[in-house]
Amino acid sequence: SKTAGHPEHGITPGVETTTGPLGQGITNAVGFALA
């Protein structure tokens, strides 16, 4: 399905990054903002 237990980038349209391991999403977001 396109609705995995945790959001999966490249599978679900609109999901910007795969998150699940806590803390990495906020860190990815820092990378987005830096870019």
Full PDB file with SEQRES, HELIX, SHEET, SSBOND, CRYST1, ORIGX, SCALE, CONECT and MASTER records, all heavy atoms in Angstrom:
SEQRES   1 A   35  SER LYS THR ALA GLY HIS PRO GLU HIS GLY ILE THR PRO          
SEQRES   2 A   35  GLY VAL GLU THR THR THR GLY PRO LEU GLY GLN GLY ILE          
SEQRES   3 A   35  THR ASN ALA VAL GLY PHE ALA LEU ALA                          
HELIX    1 AA1 GLN A   24  LEU A   34  1                                  11    
CRYST1    1.000    1.000    1.000  90.00  90.00  90.00 P 1           1          
ORIGX1      1.000000  0.000000  0.000000        0.00000                         
ORIGX2      0.000000  1.000000  0.000000        0.00000                         
ORIGX3      0.000000  0.000000  1.000000        0.00000                         
SCALE1      1.000000  0.000000  0.000000        0.00000                         
SCALE2      0.000000  1.000000  0.000000        0.00000                         
SCALE3      0.000000  0.000000  1.000000        0.00000                         
ATOM      1  N   SER A   1       0.850  -1.189   0.000  1.00  0.00           N  
ATOM      2  CA  SER A   1       0.000   0.000   0.000  1.00  0.00           C  
ATOM      3  C   SER A   1       0.889   1.244   0.000  1.00  0.00           C  
ATOM      4  O   SER A   1       2.091   1.166   0.253  1.00  0.00           O  
ATOM      5  CB  SER A   1      -0.918   0.025   1.226  1.00  0.00           C  
ATOM      6  OG  SER A   1      -0.189   0.392   2.383  1.00  0.00           O  
ATOM      7  N   LYS A   2       0.280   2.388  -0.289  1.00  0.00           N  
ATOM      8  CA  LYS A   2       1.006   3.660  -0.234  1.00  0.00           C  
ATOM      9  C   LYS A   2       0.932   4.284   1.159  1.00  0.00           C  
ATOM     10  O   LYS A   2       1.334   5.433   1.346  1.00  0.00           O  
ATOM     11  CB  LYS A   2       0.439   4.632  -1.269  1.00  0.00           C  
ATOM     12  CG  LYS A   2       0.709   4.226  -2.710  1.00  0.00           C  
ATOM     13  CD  LYS A   2       0.170   5.267  -3.674  1.00  0.00           C  
ATOM     14  CE  LYS A   2       0.442   4.874  -5.123  1.00  0.00           C  
ATOM     15  NZ  LYS A   2      -0.090   5.886  -6.076  1.00  0.00           N  
ATOM     16  N   THR A   3       0.393   3.519   2.097  1.00  0.00           N  
ATOM     17  CA  THR A   3       0.233   4.030   3.463  1.00  0.00           C  
ATOM     18  C   THR A   3       0.925   3.081   4.441  1.00  0.00           C  
ATOM     19  O   THR A   3       0.285   2.359   5.203  1.00  0.00           O  
ATOM     20  CB  THR A   3      -1.260   4.178   3.810  1.00  0.00           C  
ATOM     21  OG1 THR A   3      -1.942   2.958   3.462  1.00  0.00           O  
ATOM     22  CG2 THR A   3      -1.883   5.319   3.033  1.00  0.00           C  
ATOM     23  N   ALA A   4       2.235   3.080   4.372  1.00  0.00           N  
ATOM     24  CA  ALA A   4       3.031   2.232   5.258  1.00  0.00           C  
ATOM     25  C   ALA A   4       2.896   2.697   6.706  1.00  0.00           C  
ATOM     26  O   ALA A   4       2.378   3.781   6.986  1.00  0.00           O  
ATOM     27  CB  ALA A   4       4.490   2.269   4.822  1.00  0.00           C  
ATOM     28  N   GLY A   5       3.392   1.885   7.612  1.00  0.00           N  
ATOM     29  CA  GLY A   5       3.282   2.219   9.028  1.00  0.00           C  
ATOM     30  C   GLY A   5       3.927   3.543   9.377  1.00  0.00           C  
ATOM     31  O   GLY A   5       3.465   4.261  10.261  1.00  0.00           O  
ATOM     32  N   HIS A   6       5.009   3.862   8.698  1.00  0.00           N  
ATOM     33  CA  HIS A   6       5.661   5.165   8.837  1.00  0.00           C  
ATOM     34  C   HIS A   6       5.801   5.762   7.441  1.00  0.00           C  
ATOM     35  O   HIS A   6       5.919   5.031   6.463  1.00  0.00           O  
ATOM     36  CB  HIS A   6       7.027   5.029   9.507  1.00  0.00           C  
ATOM     37  CG  HIS A   6       6.950   4.611  10.941  1.00  0.00           C  
ATOM     38  ND1 HIS A   6       6.768   3.290  11.322  1.00  0.00           N  
ATOM     39  CD2 HIS A   6       7.001   5.321  12.097  1.00  0.00           C  
ATOM     40  CE1 HIS A   6       6.720   3.220  12.650  1.00  0.00           C  
ATOM     41  NE2 HIS A   6       6.855   4.442  13.146  1.00  0.00           N  
ATOM     42  N   PRO A   7       5.790   7.082   7.317  1.00  0.00           N  
ATOM     43  CA  PRO A   7       5.836   7.700   5.982  1.00  0.00           C  
ATOM     44  C   PRO A   7       7.085   7.290   5.206  1.00  0.00           C  
ATOM     45  O   PRO A   7       8.194   7.293   5.753  1.00  0.00           O  
ATOM     46  CB  PRO A   7       5.858   9.201   6.296  1.00  0.00           C  
ATOM     47  CG  PRO A   7       5.258   9.317   7.662  1.00  0.00           C  
ATOM     48  CD  PRO A   7       5.690   8.077   8.385  1.00  0.00           C  
ATOM     49  N   GLU A   8       6.897   6.926   3.942  1.00  0.00           N  
ATOM     50  CA  GLU A   8       7.995   6.458   3.101  1.00  0.00           C  
ATOM     51  C   GLU A   8       8.142   7.362   1.890  1.00  0.00           C  
ATOM     52  O   GLU A   8       7.247   7.449   1.042  1.00  0.00           O  
ATOM     53  CB  GLU A   8       7.737   5.016   2.637  1.00  0.00           C  
ATOM     54  CG  GLU A   8       7.608   4.001   3.763  1.00  0.00           C  
ATOM     55  CD  GLU A   8       8.933   3.575   4.360  1.00  0.00           C  
ATOM     56  OE1 GLU A   8       9.979   4.030   3.850  1.00  0.00           O  
ATOM     57  OE2 GLU A   8       8.932   2.794   5.320  1.00  0.00           O  
ATOM     58  N   HIS A   9       9.291   8.019   1.791  1.00  0.00           N  
ATOM     59  CA  HIS A   9       9.574   8.854   0.628  1.00  0.00           C  
ATOM     60  C   HIS A   9       9.699   7.985  -0.622  1.00  0.00           C  
ATOM     61  O   HIS A   9      10.291   6.915  -0.599  1.00  0.00           O  
ATOM     62  CB  HIS A   9      10.881   9.615   0.845  1.00  0.00           C  
ATOM     63  CG  HIS A   9      11.343  10.376  -0.366  1.00  0.00           C  
ATOM     64  ND1 HIS A   9      10.744  11.538  -0.774  1.00  0.00           N  
ATOM     65  CD2 HIS A   9      12.338  10.118  -1.257  1.00  0.00           C  
ATOM     66  CE1 HIS A   9      11.351  11.984  -1.864  1.00  0.00           C  
ATOM     67  NE2 HIS A   9      12.313  11.138  -2.172  1.00  0.00           N  
ATOM     68  N   GLY A  10       9.122   8.466  -1.717  1.00  0.00           N  
ATOM     69  CA  GLY A  10       9.200   7.730  -2.967  1.00  0.00           C  
ATOM     70  C   GLY A  10       8.080   6.740  -3.158  1.00  0.00           C  
ATOM     71  O   GLY A  10       7.942   6.150  -4.237  1.00  0.00           O  
ATOM     72  N   ILE A  11       7.284   6.533  -2.132  1.00  0.00           N  
ATOM     73  CA  ILE A  11       6.140   5.623  -2.214  1.00  0.00           C  
ATOM     74  C   ILE A  11       4.839   6.396  -2.166  1.00  0.00           C  
ATOM     75  O   ILE A  11       3.924   6.141  -2.957  1.00  0.00           O  
ATOM     76  CB  ILE A  11       6.197   4.582  -1.077  1.00  0.00           C  
ATOM     77  CG1 ILE A  11       7.396   3.651  -1.278  1.00  0.00           C  
ATOM     78  CG2 ILE A  11       4.897   3.779  -1.001  1.00  0.00           C  
ATOM     79  CD1 ILE A  11       7.591   2.641  -0.178  1.00  0.00           C  
ATOM     80  N   THR A  12       4.766   7.348  -1.272  1.00  0.00           N  
ATOM     81  CA  THR A  12       3.545   8.129  -1.078  1.00  0.00           C  
ATOM     82  C   THR A  12       3.743   9.540  -1.601  1.00  0.00           C  
ATOM     83  O   THR A  12       4.642  10.252  -1.132  1.00  0.00           O  
ATOM     84  CB  THR A  12       3.185   8.195   0.416  1.00  0.00           C  
ATOM     85  OG1 THR A  12       3.287   6.889   0.982  1.00  0.00           O  
ATOM     86  CG2 THR A  12       1.775   8.731   0.610  1.00  0.00           C  
ATOM     87  N   PRO A  13       2.930   9.982  -2.569  1.00  0.00           N  
ATOM     88  CA  PRO A  13       3.082  11.355  -3.070  1.00  0.00           C  
ATOM     89  C   PRO A  13       2.857  12.368  -1.960  1.00  0.00           C  
ATOM     90  O   PRO A  13       1.910  12.257  -1.183  1.00  0.00           O  
ATOM     91  CB  PRO A  13       1.997  11.460  -4.156  1.00  0.00           C  
ATOM     92  CG  PRO A  13       1.026  10.368  -3.855  1.00  0.00           C  
ATOM     93  CD  PRO A  13       1.812   9.269  -3.223  1.00  0.00           C  
ATOM     94  N   GLY A  14       3.752  13.334  -1.867  1.00  0.00           N  
ATOM     95  CA  GLY A  14       3.649  14.358  -0.833  1.00  0.00           C  
ATOM     96  C   GLY A  14       4.489  14.085   0.392  1.00  0.00           C  
ATOM     97  O   GLY A  14       4.648  14.973   1.235  1.00  0.00           O  
ATOM     98  N   VAL A  15       5.029  12.886   0.520  1.00  0.00           N  
ATOM     99  CA  VAL A  15       5.901  12.568   1.649  1.00  0.00           C  
ATOM    100  C   VAL A  15       7.322  12.986   1.287  1.00  0.00           C  
ATOM    101  O   VAL A  15       7.930  12.418   0.373  1.00  0.00           O  
ATOM    102  CB  VAL A  15       5.843  11.070   2.005  1.00  0.00           C  
ATOM    103  CG1 VAL A  15       6.913  10.723   3.041  1.00  0.00           C  
ATOM    104  CG2 VAL A  15       4.466  10.708   2.537  1.00  0.00           C  
ATOM    105  N   GLU A  16       7.857  13.971   1.983  1.00  0.00           N  
ATOM    106  CA  GLU A  16       9.144  14.557   1.627  1.00  0.00           C  
ATOM    107  C   GLU A  16      10.339  13.737   2.102  1.00  0.00           C  
ATOM    108  O   GLU A  16      11.414  13.793   1.514  1.00  0.00           O  
ATOM    109  CB  GLU A  16       9.259  15.971   2.208  1.00  0.00           C  
ATOM    110  CG  GLU A  16       8.204  16.959   1.725  1.00  0.00           C  
ATOM    111  CD  GLU A  16       8.453  17.464   0.314  1.00  0.00           C  
ATOM    112  OE1 GLU A  16       9.420  17.008  -0.332  1.00  0.00           O  
ATOM    113  OE2 GLU A  16       7.673  18.320  -0.148  1.00  0.00           O  
ATOM    114  N   THR A  17      10.158  12.987   3.177  1.00  0.00           N  
ATOM    115  CA  THR A  17      11.252  12.181   3.706  1.00  0.00           C  
ATOM    116  C   THR A  17      10.689  11.025   4.504  1.00  0.00           C  
ATOM    117  O   THR A  17       9.598  11.118   5.075  1.00  0.00           O  
ATOM    118  CB  THR A  17      12.193  13.023   4.594  1.00  0.00           C  
ATOM    119  OG1 THR A  17      13.252  12.187   5.094  1.00  0.00           O  
ATOM    120  CG2 THR A  17      11.465  13.649   5.774  1.00  0.00           C  
ATOM    121  N   THR A  18      11.431   9.934   4.540  1.00  0.00           N  
ATOM    122  CA  THR A  18      11.035   8.777   5.337  1.00  0.00           C  
ATOM    123  C   THR A  18      11.339   9.060   6.800  1.00  0.00           C  
ATOM    124  O   THR A  18      12.474   9.385   7.152  1.00  0.00           O  
ATOM    125  CB  THR A  18      11.795   7.529   4.877  1.00  0.00           C  
ATOM    126  OG1 THR A  18      11.460   7.260   3.510  1.00  0.00           O  
ATOM    127  CG2 THR A  18      11.433   6.319   5.725  1.00  0.00           C  
ATOM    128  N   THR A  19      10.327   8.951   7.632  1.00  0.00           N  
ATOM    129  CA  THR A  19      10.532   9.171   9.067  1.00  0.00           C  
ATOM    130  C   THR A  19      10.003   7.987   9.852  1.00  0.00           C  
ATOM    131  O   THR A  19       9.110   7.283   9.420  1.00  0.00           O  
ATOM    132  CB  THR A  19       9.840  10.460   9.544  1.00  0.00           C  
ATOM    133  OG1 THR A  19       8.468  10.444   9.130  1.00  0.00           O  
ATOM    134  CG2 THR A  19      10.517  11.691   8.969  1.00  0.00           C  
ATOM    135  N   GLY A  20      10.562   7.792  10.977  1.00  0.00           N  
ATOM    136  CA  GLY A  20      10.255   6.662  11.840  1.00  0.00           C  
ATOM    137  C   GLY A  20      11.267   6.651  12.965  1.00  0.00           C  
ATOM    138  O   GLY A  20      10.913   6.799  14.142  1.00  0.00           O  
ATOM    139  N   PRO A  21      12.576   6.528  12.625  1.00  0.00           N  
ATOM    140  CA  PRO A  21      13.589   6.693  13.672  1.00  0.00           C  
ATOM    141  C   PRO A  21      13.526   8.128  14.209  1.00  0.00           C  
ATOM    142  O   PRO A  21      13.839   9.076  13.492  1.00  0.00           O  
ATOM    143  CB  PRO A  21      14.899   6.433  12.922  1.00  0.00           C  
ATOM    144  CG  PRO A  21      14.510   5.641  11.721  1.00  0.00           C  
ATOM    145  CD  PRO A  21      13.162   6.148  11.336  1.00  0.00           C  
ATOM    146  N   LEU A  22      13.107   8.271  15.436  1.00  0.00           N  
ATOM    147  CA  LEU A  22      12.809   9.604  15.967  1.00  0.00           C  
ATOM    148  C   LEU A  22      14.051  10.497  15.996  1.00  0.00           C  
ATOM    149  O   LEU A  22      15.161  10.048  16.245  1.00  0.00           O  
ATOM    150  CB  LEU A  22      12.203   9.488  17.360  1.00  0.00           C  
ATOM    151  CG  LEU A  22      10.834   8.817  17.410  1.00  0.00           C  
ATOM    152  CD1 LEU A  22      10.345   8.661  18.846  1.00  0.00           C  
ATOM    153  CD2 LEU A  22       9.810   9.589  16.582  1.00  0.00           C  
ATOM    154  N   GLY A  23      13.822  11.769  15.746  1.00  0.00           N  
ATOM    155  CA  GLY A  23      14.886  12.756  15.745  1.00  0.00           C  
ATOM    156  C   GLY A  23      15.465  13.020  14.372  1.00  0.00           C  
ATOM    157  O   GLY A  23      16.004  14.098  14.122  1.00  0.00           O  
ATOM    158  N   GLN A  24      15.371  12.052  13.477  1.00  0.00           N  
ATOM    159  CA  GLN A  24      15.953  12.267  12.154  1.00  0.00           C  
ATOM    160  C   GLN A  24      15.104  13.199  11.302  1.00  0.00           C  
ATOM    161  O   GLN A  24      15.624  13.915  10.445  1.00  0.00           O  
ATOM    162  CB  GLN A  24      16.176  10.940  11.436  1.00  0.00           C  
ATOM    163  CG  GLN A  24      17.328  10.155  12.025  1.00  0.00           C  
ATOM    164  CD  GLN A  24      17.868   9.090  11.098  1.00  0.00           C  
ATOM    165  OE1 GLN A  24      18.250   9.356   9.970  1.00  0.00           O  
ATOM    166  NE2 GLN A  24      17.874   7.866  11.585  1.00  0.00           N  
ATOM    167  N   GLY A  25      13.784  13.210  11.516  1.00  0.00           N  
ATOM    168  CA  GLY A  25      12.930  14.089  10.735  1.00  0.00           C  
ATOM    169  C   GLY A  25      13.252  15.555  10.969  1.00  0.00           C  
ATOM    170  O   GLY A  25      13.391  16.332  10.015  1.00  0.00           O  
ATOM    171  N   ILE A  26      13.389  15.966  12.225  1.00  0.00           N  
ATOM    172  CA  ILE A  26      13.734  17.355  12.519  1.00  0.00           C  
ATOM    173  C   ILE A  26      15.104  17.681  11.933  1.00  0.00           C  
ATOM    174  O   ILE A  26      15.342  18.795  11.444  1.00  0.00           O  
ATOM    175  CB  ILE A  26      13.692  17.651  14.049  1.00  0.00           C  
ATOM    176  CG1 ILE A  26      14.195  19.069  14.369  1.00  0.00           C  
ATOM    177  CG2 ILE A  26      14.473  16.648  14.848  1.00  0.00           C  
ATOM    178  CD1 ILE A  26      13.376  20.174  13.790  1.00  0.00           C  
ATOM    179  N   THR A  27      16.005  16.710  11.933  1.00  0.00           N  
ATOM    180  CA  THR A  27      17.336  16.935  11.376  1.00  0.00           C  
ATOM    181  C   THR A  27      17.287  17.027   9.858  1.00  0.00           C  
ATOM    182  O   THR A  27      17.978  17.858   9.245  1.00  0.00           O  
ATOM    183  CB  THR A  27      18.301  15.832  11.837  1.00  0.00           C  
ATOM    184  OG1 THR A  27      18.105  15.576  13.232  1.00  0.00           O  
ATOM    185  CG2 THR A  27      19.744  16.245  11.630  1.00  0.00           C  
ATOM    186  N   ASN A  28      16.486  16.170   9.219  1.00  0.00           N  
ATOM    187  CA  ASN A  28      16.250  16.316   7.780  1.00  0.00           C  
ATOM    188  C   ASN A  28      15.703  17.700   7.471  1.00  0.00           C  
ATOM    189  O   ASN A  28      16.092  18.348   6.488  1.00  0.00           O  
ATOM    190  CB  ASN A  28      15.245  15.282   7.278  1.00  0.00           C  
ATOM    191  CG  ASN A  28      15.704  13.845   7.340  1.00  0.00           C  
ATOM    192  OD1 ASN A  28      14.888  12.937   7.257  1.00  0.00           O  
ATOM    193  ND2 ASN A  28      16.990  13.619   7.486  1.00  0.00           N  
ATOM    194  N   ALA A  29      14.779  18.163   8.305  1.00  0.00           N  
ATOM    195  CA  ALA A  29      14.158  19.473   8.087  1.00  0.00           C  
ATOM    196  C   ALA A  29      15.202  20.584   8.131  1.00  0.00           C  
ATOM    197  O   ALA A  29      15.121  21.556   7.370  1.00  0.00           O  
ATOM    198  CB  ALA A  29      13.070  19.721   9.126  1.00  0.00           C  
ATOM    199  N   VAL A  30      16.182  20.445   9.008  1.00  0.00           N  
ATOM    200  CA  VAL A  30      17.276  21.417   9.039  1.00  0.00           C  
ATOM    201  C   VAL A  30      18.010  21.407   7.695  1.00  0.00           C  
ATOM    202  O   VAL A  30      18.374  22.459   7.157  1.00  0.00           O  
ATOM    203  CB  VAL A  30      18.240  21.115  10.205  1.00  0.00           C  
ATOM    204  CG1 VAL A  30      19.499  21.972  10.109  1.00  0.00           C  
ATOM    205  CG2 VAL A  30      17.541  21.352  11.542  1.00  0.00           C  
ATOM    206  N   GLY A  31      18.205  20.214   7.132  1.00  0.00           N  
ATOM    207  CA  GLY A  31      18.829  20.113   5.820  1.00  0.00           C  
ATOM    208  C   GLY A  31      17.998  20.764   4.732  1.00  0.00           C  
ATOM    209  O   GLY A  31      18.535  21.454   3.844  1.00  0.00           O  
ATOM    210  N   PHE A  32      16.671  20.561   4.772  1.00  0.00           N  
ATOM    211  CA  PHE A  32      15.779  21.221   3.814  1.00  0.00           C  
ATOM    212  C   PHE A  32      15.933  22.738   3.903  1.00  0.00           C  
ATOM    213  O   PHE A  32      16.066  23.431   2.887  1.00  0.00           O  
ATOM    214  CB  PHE A  32      14.321  20.861   4.121  1.00  0.00           C  
ATOM    215  CG  PHE A  32      13.871  19.515   3.603  1.00  0.00           C  
ATOM    216  CD1 PHE A  32      13.520  18.502   4.480  1.00  0.00           C  
ATOM    217  CD2 PHE A  32      13.767  19.279   2.244  1.00  0.00           C  
ATOM    218  CE1 PHE A  32      13.092  17.274   4.021  1.00  0.00           C  
ATOM    219  CE2 PHE A  32      13.325  18.056   1.772  1.00  0.00           C  
ATOM    220  CZ  PHE A  32      12.991  17.040   2.661  1.00  0.00           C  
ATOM    221  N   ALA A  33      15.864  23.249   5.127  1.00  0.00           N  
ATOM    222  CA  ALA A  33      15.916  24.699   5.324  1.00  0.00           C  
ATOM    223  C   ALA A  33      17.266  25.273   4.919  1.00  0.00           C  
ATOM    224  O   ALA A  33      17.345  26.385   4.375  1.00  0.00           O  
ATOM    225  CB  ALA A  33      15.608  25.036   6.784  1.00  0.00           C  
ATOM    226  N   LEU A  34      18.344  24.523   5.184  1.00  0.00           N  
ATOM    227  CA  LEU A  34      19.669  24.976   4.773  1.00  0.00           C  
ATOM    228  C   LEU A  34      19.761  25.051   3.250  1.00  0.00           C  
ATOM    229  O   LEU A  34      20.261  26.029   2.684  1.00  0.00           O  
ATOM    230  CB  LEU A  34      20.753  24.042   5.316  1.00  0.00           C  
ATOM    231  CG  LEU A  34      22.183  24.373   4.877  1.00  0.00           C  
ATOM    232  CD1 LEU A  34      22.617  25.722   5.425  1.00  0.00           C  
ATOM    233  CD2 LEU A  34      23.144  23.268   5.319  1.00  0.00           C  
ATOM    234  N   ALA A  35      19.264  24.014   2.582  1.00  0.00           N  
ATOM    235  CA  ALA A  35      19.305  24.002   1.116  1.00  0.00           C  
ATOM    236  C   ALA A  35      18.529  25.179   0.544  1.00  0.00           C  
ATOM    237  O   ALA A  35      18.980  25.844  -0.410  1.00  0.00           O  
ATOM    238  CB  ALA A  35      18.750  22.678   0.585  1.00  0.00           C  
TER     239      ALA A  35                                                      
MASTER        0    0    0    1    0    0    0    6  238    1    0    3          
END                                                                             
